[in-house]
Amino acid sequence: MAIEGHDTFTNNHPQNRFELMVEGVMVYANYRLEQNILTIDYVFAPPELRGTGAASRLMGHIMDIAKTEGYNVQPFCGYARSWLERHNEYHDITDF
């Protein structure tokens, strides 16, 4: 269903939420940013996007921003934690 080239990623600052639109459907991650610590509180994918890789692409975008901005990431959400455990390239900026 999801075609990566058609994804639109945004940081919705007023709602403290990263959003990825995939074919008109949104997957998102609620977060808190305090100093240089980015805490990912919750990642949500609606049923029609589950299993498509949309949440994984969202996490990739989030972690690229974290790396660029020099944030340390704390995954409170179980999905975010398990995703980060599988992605060694971000372990240097992750607090488990």
C-alpha atoms as a PDB file:
ATOM      1  CA  MET A   1       0.000   0.000   0.000  1.00  0.00           C
ATOM      2  CA  ALA A   2       2.620   2.580   1.049  1.00  0.00           C
ATOM      3  CA  ILE A   3       5.017   3.966  -1.488  1.00  0.00           C
ATOM      4  CA  GLU A   4       7.929   5.640   0.260  1.00  0.00           C
ATOM      5  CA  GLY A   5       8.355   8.323  -2.402  1.00  0.00           C
ATOM      6  CA  HIS A   6       4.868   9.636  -1.614  1.00  0.00           C
ATOM      7  CA  ASP A   7       5.383   9.996   2.153  1.00  0.00           C
ATOM      8  CA  THR A   8       5.266  13.455   3.702  1.00  0.00           C
ATOM      9  CA  PHE A   9       7.133  13.900   6.991  1.00  0.00           C
ATOM     10  CA  THR A  10       6.519  16.886   9.280  1.00  0.00           C
ATOM     11  CA  ASN A  11       7.347  17.966  12.795  1.00  0.00           C
ATOM     12  CA  ASN A  12       4.107  19.323  14.243  1.00  0.00           C
ATOM     13  CA  HIS A  13       5.756  21.498  16.904  1.00  0.00           C
ATOM     14  CA  PRO A  14       2.524  22.832  18.495  1.00  0.00           C
ATOM     15  CA  GLN A  15       1.353  19.267  19.228  1.00  0.00           C
ATOM     16  CA  ASN A  16       4.837  17.820  19.956  1.00  0.00           C
ATOM     17  CA  ARG A  17       4.227  15.207  17.298  1.00  0.00           C
ATOM     18  CA  PHE A  18       6.184  13.882  14.350  1.00  0.00           C
ATOM     19  CA  GLU A  19       3.830  12.939  11.526  1.00  0.00           C
ATOM     20  CA  LEU A  20       4.189  10.870   8.384  1.00  0.00           C
ATOM     21  CA  MET A  21       1.402  11.027   5.814  1.00  0.00           C
ATOM     22  CA  VAL A  22       1.208   7.946   3.625  1.00  0.00           C
ATOM     23  CA  GLU A  23      -1.389   8.063   0.862  1.00  0.00           C
ATOM     24  CA  GLY A  24      -3.585  10.366   2.959  1.00  0.00           C
ATOM     25  CA  VAL A  25      -3.285   8.334   6.170  1.00  0.00           C
ATOM     26  CA  MET A  26      -1.161   9.441   9.123  1.00  0.00           C
ATOM     27  CA  VAL A  27       1.248   7.566  11.350  1.00  0.00           C
ATOM     28  CA  TYR A  28       2.643   9.681  14.189  1.00  0.00           C
ATOM     29  CA  ALA A  29       4.879   9.795  17.242  1.00  0.00           C
ATOM     30  CA  ASN A  30       4.223  11.962  20.292  1.00  0.00           C
ATOM     31  CA  TYR A  31       7.378  13.322  21.851  1.00  0.00           C
ATOM     32  CA  ARG A  32       8.856  15.593  24.506  1.00  0.00           C
ATOM     33  CA  LEU A  33      11.979  17.652  23.981  1.00  0.00           C
ATOM     34  CA  GLU A  34      13.785  18.916  27.062  1.00  0.00           C
ATOM     35  CA  GLN A  35      17.199  20.459  26.454  1.00  0.00           C
ATOM     36  CA  ASN A  36      18.876  17.894  24.209  1.00  0.00           C
ATOM     37  CA  ILE A  37      16.792  14.873  25.303  1.00  0.00           C
ATOM     38  CA  LEU A  38      14.109  13.698  22.877  1.00  0.00           C
ATOM     39  CA  THR A  39      11.667  11.330  24.574  1.00  0.00           C
ATOM     40  CA  ILE A  40       9.416   9.323  22.261  1.00  0.00           C
ATOM     41  CA  ASP A  41       6.260   8.734  24.279  1.00  0.00           C
ATOM     42  CA  TYR A  42       3.984   6.991  21.807  1.00  0.00           C
ATOM     43  CA  VAL A  43       4.020   5.794  18.199  1.00  0.00           C
ATOM     44  CA  PHE A  44       0.689   5.154  16.478  1.00  0.00           C
ATOM     45  CA  ALA A  45      -0.097   3.547  13.143  1.00  0.00           C
ATOM     46  CA  PRO A  46      -3.732   3.102  12.103  1.00  0.00           C
ATOM     47  CA  PRO A  47      -4.777  -0.413  11.100  1.00  0.00           C
ATOM     48  CA  GLU A  48      -4.505   0.273   7.371  1.00  0.00           C
ATOM     49  CA  LEU A  49      -0.810   1.207   7.733  1.00  0.00           C
ATOM     50  CA  ARG A  50       0.240  -1.593  10.066  1.00  0.00           C
ATOM     51  CA  GLY A  51       2.654  -3.980   8.415  1.00  0.00           C
ATOM     52  CA  THR A  52       3.500  -1.542   5.594  1.00  0.00           C
ATOM     53  CA  GLY A  53       6.716  -0.191   7.120  1.00  0.00           C
ATOM     54  CA  ALA A  54       5.221   3.272   7.644  1.00  0.00           C
ATOM     55  CA  ALA A  55       6.029   3.389  11.381  1.00  0.00           C
ATOM     56  CA  SER A  56       9.562   2.233  10.643  1.00  0.00           C
ATOM     57  CA  ARG A  57      10.024   5.006   8.068  1.00  0.00           C
ATOM     58  CA  LEU A  58       8.671   7.490  10.613  1.00  0.00           C
ATOM     59  CA  MET A  59      11.230   6.313  13.174  1.00  0.00           C
ATOM     60  CA  GLY A  60      13.998   6.641  10.595  1.00  0.00           C
ATOM     61  CA  HIS A  61      13.033  10.263   9.939  1.00  0.00           C
ATOM     62  CA  ILE A  62      12.869  10.999  13.670  1.00  0.00           C
ATOM     63  CA  MET A  63      16.262   9.480  14.334  1.00  0.00           C
ATOM     64  CA  ASP A  64      17.871  11.318  11.426  1.00  0.00           C
ATOM     65  CA  ILE A  65      16.621  14.593  12.925  1.00  0.00           C
ATOM     66  CA  ALA A  66      17.844  13.554  16.377  1.00  0.00           C
ATOM     67  CA  LYS A  67      21.292  12.775  15.003  1.00  0.00           C
ATOM     68  CA  THR A  68      21.492  16.033  13.031  1.00  0.00           C
ATOM     69  CA  GLU A  69      20.324  18.141  15.982  1.00  0.00           C
ATOM     70  CA  GLY A  70      22.533  16.344  18.521  1.00  0.00           C
ATOM     71  CA  TYR A  71      19.627  14.969  20.581  1.00  0.00           C
ATOM     72  CA  ASN A  72      19.868  12.009  22.903  1.00  0.00           C
ATOM     73  CA  VAL A  73      16.803   9.780  22.420  1.00  0.00           C
ATOM     74  CA  GLN A  74      14.860   8.072  25.198  1.00  0.00           C
ATOM     75  CA  PRO A  75      12.282   5.609  23.852  1.00  0.00           C
ATOM     76  CA  PHE A  76       9.429   5.414  26.358  1.00  0.00           C
ATOM     77  CA  CYS A  77       7.144   3.760  23.796  1.00  0.00           C
ATOM     78  CA  GLY A  78       7.551  -0.001  23.399  1.00  0.00           C
ATOM     79  CA  TYR A  79       7.509   0.174  19.605  1.00  0.00           C
ATOM     80  CA  ALA A  80      10.156   2.907  19.537  1.00  0.00           C
ATOM     81  CA  ARG A  81      12.325   0.926  21.959  1.00  0.00           C
ATOM     82  CA  SER A  82      12.118  -2.302  19.946  1.00  0.00           C
ATOM     83  CA  TRP A  83      12.767  -0.422  16.687  1.00  0.00           C
ATOM     84  CA  LEU A  84      15.858   1.209  18.177  1.00  0.00           C
ATOM     85  CA  GLU A  85      17.143  -2.107  19.532  1.00  0.00           C
ATOM     86  CA  ARG A  86      17.152  -3.390  15.922  1.00  0.00           C
ATOM     87  CA  HIS A  87      18.928  -0.321  14.492  1.00  0.00           C
ATOM     88  CA  ASN A  88      22.512  -0.267  15.716  1.00  0.00           C
ATOM     89  CA  GLU A  89      23.314   2.849  13.716  1.00  0.00           C
ATOM     90  CA  TYR A  90      21.447   4.928  16.321  1.00  0.00           C
ATOM     91  CA  HIS A  91      22.694   3.294  19.522  1.00  0.00           C
ATOM     92  CA  ASP A  92      25.234   6.088  20.045  1.00  0.00           C
ATOM     93  CA  ILE A  93      22.396   8.587  20.625  1.00  0.00           C
ATOM     94  CA  THR A  94      19.943   6.290  22.416  1.00  0.00           C
ATOM     95  CA  ASP A  95      19.344   5.895  26.149  1.00  0.00           C
ATOM     96  CA  PHE A  96      17.720   2.558  27.011  1.00  0.00           C
END
